Amino acid sequence: MDFRKTFKALSDPVRLEILKMLKNGRMSAGDIASKFDITNATVSYHLSLLKQADLIYETKIKNFIYYELNTTVFDDLVIWIKQFSKEE
């Protein structure tokens, strides 16, 4: 896992909001874009960075692209962070 990409992806409020939205389940790109007051191209850029960091994955069904959380990355991140905690 490339933590640099992960932390870069997590550093933006729009991307964090997208991740929160996907916590409730799969969403289409159009559904995600409709929740923001930014261009579709900007939403696409944010989705691309989240995909590059493996935080989300996409599924194409007919003419639609759906996005879902990749929870394994979050599990790996928690394990990595725990190495810095003090053990008793």
C-alpha atoms as a PDB file:
ATOM      1  CA  MET A   1       0.000   0.000   0.000  1.00  0.00           C
ATOM      2  CA  ASP A   2       1.236   3.471  -0.859  1.00  0.00           C
ATOM      3  CA  PHE A   3       0.424   5.518   2.222  1.00  0.00           C
ATOM      4  CA  ARG A   4       1.428   8.737   0.455  1.00  0.00           C
ATOM      5  CA  LYS A   5      -1.462   8.301  -1.984  1.00  0.00           C
ATOM      6  CA  THR A   6      -3.781   7.293   0.832  1.00  0.00           C
ATOM      7  CA  PHE A   7      -3.008  10.319   2.965  1.00  0.00           C
ATOM      8  CA  LYS A   8      -3.160  12.662  -0.025  1.00  0.00           C
ATOM      9  CA  ALA A   9      -6.586  11.293  -0.907  1.00  0.00           C
ATOM     10  CA  LEU A  10      -7.752  11.676   2.699  1.00  0.00           C
ATOM     11  CA  SER A  11      -6.473  15.258   2.953  1.00  0.00           C
ATOM     12  CA  ASP A  12      -9.298  16.877   0.975  1.00  0.00           C
ATOM     13  CA  PRO A  13     -12.735  17.696   2.459  1.00  0.00           C
ATOM     14  CA  VAL A  14     -14.589  16.805  -0.760  1.00  0.00           C
ATOM     15  CA  ARG A  15     -12.941  13.390  -0.931  1.00  0.00           C
ATOM     16  CA  LEU A  16     -13.706  12.787   2.743  1.00  0.00           C
ATOM     17  CA  GLU A  17     -17.330  13.645   2.097  1.00  0.00           C
ATOM     18  CA  ILE A  18     -17.432  11.224  -0.838  1.00  0.00           C
ATOM     19  CA  LEU A  19     -16.060   8.478   1.408  1.00  0.00           C
ATOM     20  CA  LYS A  20     -18.696   9.250   4.041  1.00  0.00           C
ATOM     21  CA  MET A  21     -21.411   9.044   1.405  1.00  0.00           C
ATOM     22  CA  LEU A  22     -20.117   5.684   0.185  1.00  0.00           C
ATOM     23  CA  LYS A  23     -20.186   4.358   3.729  1.00  0.00           C
ATOM     24  CA  ASN A  24     -23.926   3.915   3.194  1.00  0.00           C
ATOM     25  CA  GLY A  25     -23.415   1.776   0.095  1.00  0.00           C
ATOM     26  CA  ARG A  26     -22.716   1.858  -3.608  1.00  0.00           C
ATOM     27  CA  MET A  27     -23.468   5.072  -5.505  1.00  0.00           C
ATOM     28  CA  SER A  28     -23.313   6.105  -9.132  1.00  0.00           C
ATOM     29  CA  ALA A  29     -21.036   8.913 -10.255  1.00  0.00           C
ATOM     30  CA  GLY A  30     -24.107  11.009 -11.042  1.00  0.00           C
ATOM     31  CA  ASP A  31     -25.548  10.508  -7.559  1.00  0.00           C
ATOM     32  CA  ILE A  32     -22.244  11.534  -6.007  1.00  0.00           C
ATOM     33  CA  ALA A  33     -21.908  14.600  -8.240  1.00  0.00           C
ATOM     34  CA  SER A  34     -25.465  15.736  -7.444  1.00  0.00           C
ATOM     35  CA  LYS A  35     -24.487  16.204  -3.779  1.00  0.00           C
ATOM     36  CA  PHE A  36     -21.862  18.851  -4.567  1.00  0.00           C
ATOM     37  CA  ASP A  37     -21.871  22.335  -6.023  1.00  0.00           C
ATOM     38  CA  ILE A  38     -18.832  21.636  -8.212  1.00  0.00           C
ATOM     39  CA  THR A  39     -18.416  20.527 -11.811  1.00  0.00           C
ATOM     40  CA  ASN A  40     -18.737  16.898 -12.845  1.00  0.00           C
ATOM     41  CA  ALA A  41     -15.123  17.058 -14.026  1.00  0.00           C
ATOM     42  CA  THR A  42     -14.003  18.056 -10.531  1.00  0.00           C
ATOM     43  CA  VAL A  43     -15.982  15.198  -8.977  1.00  0.00           C
ATOM     44  CA  SER A  44     -14.400  12.856 -11.521  1.00  0.00           C
ATOM     45  CA  TYR A  45     -10.950  14.126 -10.500  1.00  0.00           C
ATOM     46  CA  HIS A  46     -11.680  13.424  -6.826  1.00  0.00           C
ATOM     47  CA  LEU A  47     -13.012   9.952  -7.644  1.00  0.00           C
ATOM     48  CA  SER A  48      -9.883   9.270  -9.673  1.00  0.00           C
ATOM     49  CA  LEU A  49      -7.613  10.153  -6.748  1.00  0.00           C
ATOM     50  CA  LEU A  50      -9.654   7.959  -4.423  1.00  0.00           C
ATOM     51  CA  LYS A  51      -9.362   5.070  -6.901  1.00  0.00           C
ATOM     52  CA  GLN A  52      -5.601   5.581  -7.265  1.00  0.00           C
ATOM     53  CA  ALA A  53      -5.321   5.313  -3.474  1.00  0.00           C
ATOM     54  CA  ASP A  54      -7.449   2.131  -3.582  1.00  0.00           C
ATOM     55  CA  LEU A  55      -9.907   3.695  -1.156  1.00  0.00           C
ATOM     56  CA  ILE A  56     -12.765   3.034  -3.559  1.00  0.00           C
ATOM     57  CA  TYR A  57     -13.399   0.770  -6.489  1.00  0.00           C
ATOM     58  CA  GLU A  58     -15.720   1.055  -9.431  1.00  0.00           C
ATOM     59  CA  THR A  59     -18.116  -1.320 -11.090  1.00  0.00           C
ATOM     60  CA  LYS A  60     -19.491  -0.667 -14.557  1.00  0.00           C
ATOM     61  CA  ILE A  61     -23.047  -1.789 -15.172  1.00  0.00           C
ATOM     62  CA  LYS A  62     -24.404  -0.931 -18.617  1.00  0.00           C
ATOM     63  CA  ASN A  63     -23.940   2.837 -19.026  1.00  0.00           C
ATOM     64  CA  PHE A  64     -23.357   3.558 -15.357  1.00  0.00           C
ATOM     65  CA  ILE A  65     -20.306   3.524 -13.126  1.00  0.00           C
ATOM     66  CA  TYR A  66     -20.864   2.734  -9.463  1.00  0.00           C
ATOM     67  CA  TYR A  67     -18.416   3.398  -6.661  1.00  0.00           C
ATOM     68  CA  GLU A  68     -17.967   1.538  -3.375  1.00  0.00           C
ATOM     69  CA  LEU A  69     -15.607   1.733  -0.428  1.00  0.00           C
ATOM     70  CA  ASN A  70     -12.646  -0.594  -0.355  1.00  0.00           C
ATOM     71  CA  THR A  71     -12.678  -1.276   3.367  1.00  0.00           C
ATOM     72  CA  THR A  72      -9.543  -3.410   3.290  1.00  0.00           C
ATOM     73  CA  VAL A  73      -7.450  -0.271   2.841  1.00  0.00           C
ATOM     74  CA  PHE A  74      -8.975   1.222   5.974  1.00  0.00           C
ATOM     75  CA  ASP A  75      -8.222  -1.992   7.860  1.00  0.00           C
ATOM     76  CA  ASP A  76      -4.590  -1.844   6.708  1.00  0.00           C
ATOM     77  CA  LEU A  77      -4.398   1.803   7.707  1.00  0.00           C
ATOM     78  CA  VAL A  78      -5.668   1.071  11.227  1.00  0.00           C
ATOM     79  CA  ILE A  79      -3.101  -1.711  11.627  1.00  0.00           C
ATOM     80  CA  TRP A  80      -0.334   0.609  10.432  1.00  0.00           C
ATOM     81  CA  ILE A  81      -1.384   3.394  12.822  1.00  0.00           C
ATOM     82  CA  LYS A  82      -1.604   1.013  15.785  1.00  0.00           C
ATOM     83  CA  GLN A  83       2.111   0.303  15.531  1.00  0.00           C
ATOM     84  CA  PHE A  84       2.723   3.795  16.919  1.00  0.00           C
ATOM     85  CA  SER A  85       0.546   3.409  20.002  1.00  0.00           C
ATOM     86  CA  LYS A  86       2.017   2.570  23.360  1.00  0.00           C
ATOM     87  CA  GLU A  87       1.320  -0.951  24.449  1.00  0.00           C
ATOM     88  CA  GLU A  88       0.790  -1.640  28.110  1.00  0.00           C
END
